[in-house]
Amino acid sequence: MAQAEGVLRSGGRLKVLWSVKGEDLKFVEYVLDRIQGLAGVTRLFVTGRLRDSEEGLIGEIKAAGASVERRRIEQGDVKEAASGKRKYFLCTGPAMLKTLNEWLDGEEVAWEDFAY
């Protein structure tokens, strides 16, 4: 997310696939509010049970322009997001990083590992 604002401002093409637990939706709302234009290029995957307050946040996130899926991200979602020349930047934990690298074999990939 650190580079998103600059990429969007420069007119660069960006698609964001973001997978979170329902309990983290307040953070998603905060980030999307803070970075102009990010919601419009974001596809959010929400997992886990949602409380009423989180249901409301989904409505606000959709109203901001993001699309929301209530399921885990799948390989097809990642592959479908790309068209033409592409580069993937991954920020995730070790298990999902391994899975994504397998899905993206042969693609240009950079990543950060949340193994701390």
Protein backbone atom coordinates (compact mmCIF):
# COMPACT_ATOMS: atom_id res chain seq x y z
CA MET A 1 0.00 0.00 0.00
CA ALA A 2 2.96 2.29 0.52
CA GLN A 3 3.43 2.71 -3.23
CA ALA A 4 -0.26 2.76 -4.20
CA GLU A 5 -0.79 6.50 -3.94
CA GLY A 6 2.19 7.29 -6.17
CA VAL A 7 1.24 4.67 -8.75
CA LEU A 8 -2.34 5.93 -8.89
CA ARG A 9 -1.25 9.57 -9.11
CA SER A 10 1.16 8.84 -11.97
CA GLY A 11 -1.57 7.12 -13.97
CA GLY A 12 -0.02 3.69 -13.57
CA ARG A 13 -2.28 0.68 -13.87
CA LEU A 14 -2.95 -0.97 -10.57
CA LYS A 15 -5.25 -3.76 -9.40
CA VAL A 16 -5.37 -4.64 -5.72
CA LEU A 17 -6.53 -8.04 -4.48
CA TRP A 18 -6.82 -7.86 -0.71
CA SER A 19 -7.81 -10.73 1.55
CA VAL A 20 -8.76 -9.98 5.17
CA LYS A 21 -10.66 -11.41 8.09
CA GLY A 22 -13.92 -9.65 8.87
CA GLU A 23 -12.43 -8.31 12.09
CA ASP A 24 -9.90 -6.28 10.04
CA LEU A 25 -12.44 -4.36 7.95
CA LYS A 26 -12.01 -1.17 9.99
CA PHE A 27 -8.36 -1.08 8.86
CA VAL A 28 -9.40 -1.64 5.24
CA GLU A 29 -11.83 1.27 5.49
CA TYR A 30 -9.09 3.46 6.98
CA VAL A 31 -6.62 2.66 4.18
CA LEU A 32 -9.18 3.11 1.39
CA ASP A 33 -10.26 6.47 2.85
CA ARG A 34 -6.66 7.61 3.12
CA ILE A 35 -5.46 6.74 -0.41
CA GLN A 36 -7.44 8.55 -3.10
CA GLY A 37 -8.56 6.23 -5.90
CA LEU A 38 -7.51 2.99 -4.19
CA ALA A 39 -11.05 1.75 -3.53
CA GLY A 40 -11.85 1.85 -7.24
CA VAL A 41 -9.05 -0.60 -8.07
CA THR A 42 -9.54 -2.89 -5.08
CA ARG A 43 -11.20 -6.29 -4.98
CA LEU A 44 -11.59 -7.31 -1.34
CA PHE A 45 -11.93 -10.90 -0.14
CA VAL A 46 -13.47 -11.13 3.33
CA THR A 47 -13.29 -14.31 5.41
CA GLY A 48 -14.69 -15.33 8.77
CA ARG A 49 -17.85 -14.45 10.60
CA LEU A 50 -19.02 -10.87 10.47
CA ARG A 51 -20.64 -8.90 13.27
CA ASP A 52 -23.31 -6.32 12.50
CA SER A 53 -20.75 -3.51 12.66
CA GLU A 54 -18.59 -5.30 10.09
CA GLU A 55 -21.60 -5.79 7.80
CA GLY A 56 -22.01 -2.02 7.87
CA LEU A 57 -18.35 -1.53 6.98
CA ILE A 58 -18.77 -3.76 3.93
CA GLY A 59 -21.52 -1.42 2.74
CA GLU A 60 -19.26 1.60 3.23
CA ILE A 61 -16.35 -0.09 1.45
CA LYS A 62 -18.59 -0.96 -1.51
CA ALA A 63 -19.95 2.60 -1.59
CA ALA A 64 -16.35 3.86 -1.80
CA GLY A 65 -15.91 1.85 -5.01
CA ALA A 66 -14.30 -1.44 -3.98
CA SER A 67 -15.77 -4.78 -4.94
CA VAL A 68 -16.25 -7.24 -2.09
CA GLU A 69 -16.28 -11.04 -2.14
CA ARG A 70 -17.22 -13.02 0.98
CA ARG A 71 -14.87 -15.93 0.46
CA ARG A 72 -11.22 -16.89 0.30
CA ILE A 73 -9.15 -15.71 -2.62
CA GLU A 74 -8.53 -18.42 -5.22
CA GLN A 75 -5.96 -19.03 -7.94
CA GLY A 76 -8.42 -17.98 -10.63
CA ASP A 77 -8.90 -14.61 -8.94
CA VAL A 78 -5.18 -13.93 -9.07
CA LYS A 79 -4.73 -15.06 -12.67
CA GLU A 80 -7.90 -13.29 -13.85
CA ALA A 81 -6.70 -9.96 -12.45
CA ALA A 82 -3.85 -9.79 -14.95
CA SER A 83 -3.88 -8.73 -18.56
CA GLY A 84 -0.85 -8.08 -20.73
CA LYS A 85 2.50 -7.34 -19.13
CA ARG A 86 2.17 -7.50 -15.37
CA LYS A 87 4.11 -7.55 -12.14
CA TYR A 88 2.82 -8.90 -8.87
CA PHE A 89 3.76 -7.48 -5.48
CA LEU A 90 2.77 -9.71 -2.58
CA CYS A 91 2.46 -8.80 1.09
CA THR A 92 1.36 -11.78 3.14
CA GLY A 93 2.30 -14.40 5.69
CA PRO A 94 4.58 -17.33 4.89
CA ALA A 95 1.91 -19.94 4.09
CA MET A 96 -0.02 -17.74 1.66
CA LEU A 97 3.22 -16.43 0.16
CA LYS A 98 4.20 -20.00 -0.72
CA THR A 99 0.79 -20.65 -2.29
CA LEU A 100 0.82 -17.41 -4.29
CA ASN A 101 4.33 -18.06 -5.59
CA GLU A 102 3.17 -21.48 -6.79
CA TRP A 103 0.13 -19.94 -8.50
CA LEU A 104 2.30 -17.27 -10.13
CA ASP A 105 5.10 -19.52 -11.37
CA GLY A 106 6.67 -17.84 -14.41
CA GLU A 107 5.31 -14.37 -13.57
CA GLU A 108 7.34 -11.38 -12.37
CA VAL A 109 6.86 -11.39 -8.59
CA ALA A 110 8.23 -9.29 -5.73
CA TRP A 111 7.17 -9.85 -2.15
CA GLU A 112 7.40 -9.03 1.50
CA ASP A 113 7.09 -11.81 4.04
CA PHE A 114 5.14 -11.15 7.25
CA ALA A 115 7.08 -13.81 9.19
CA TYR A 116 7.76 -11.72 12.26
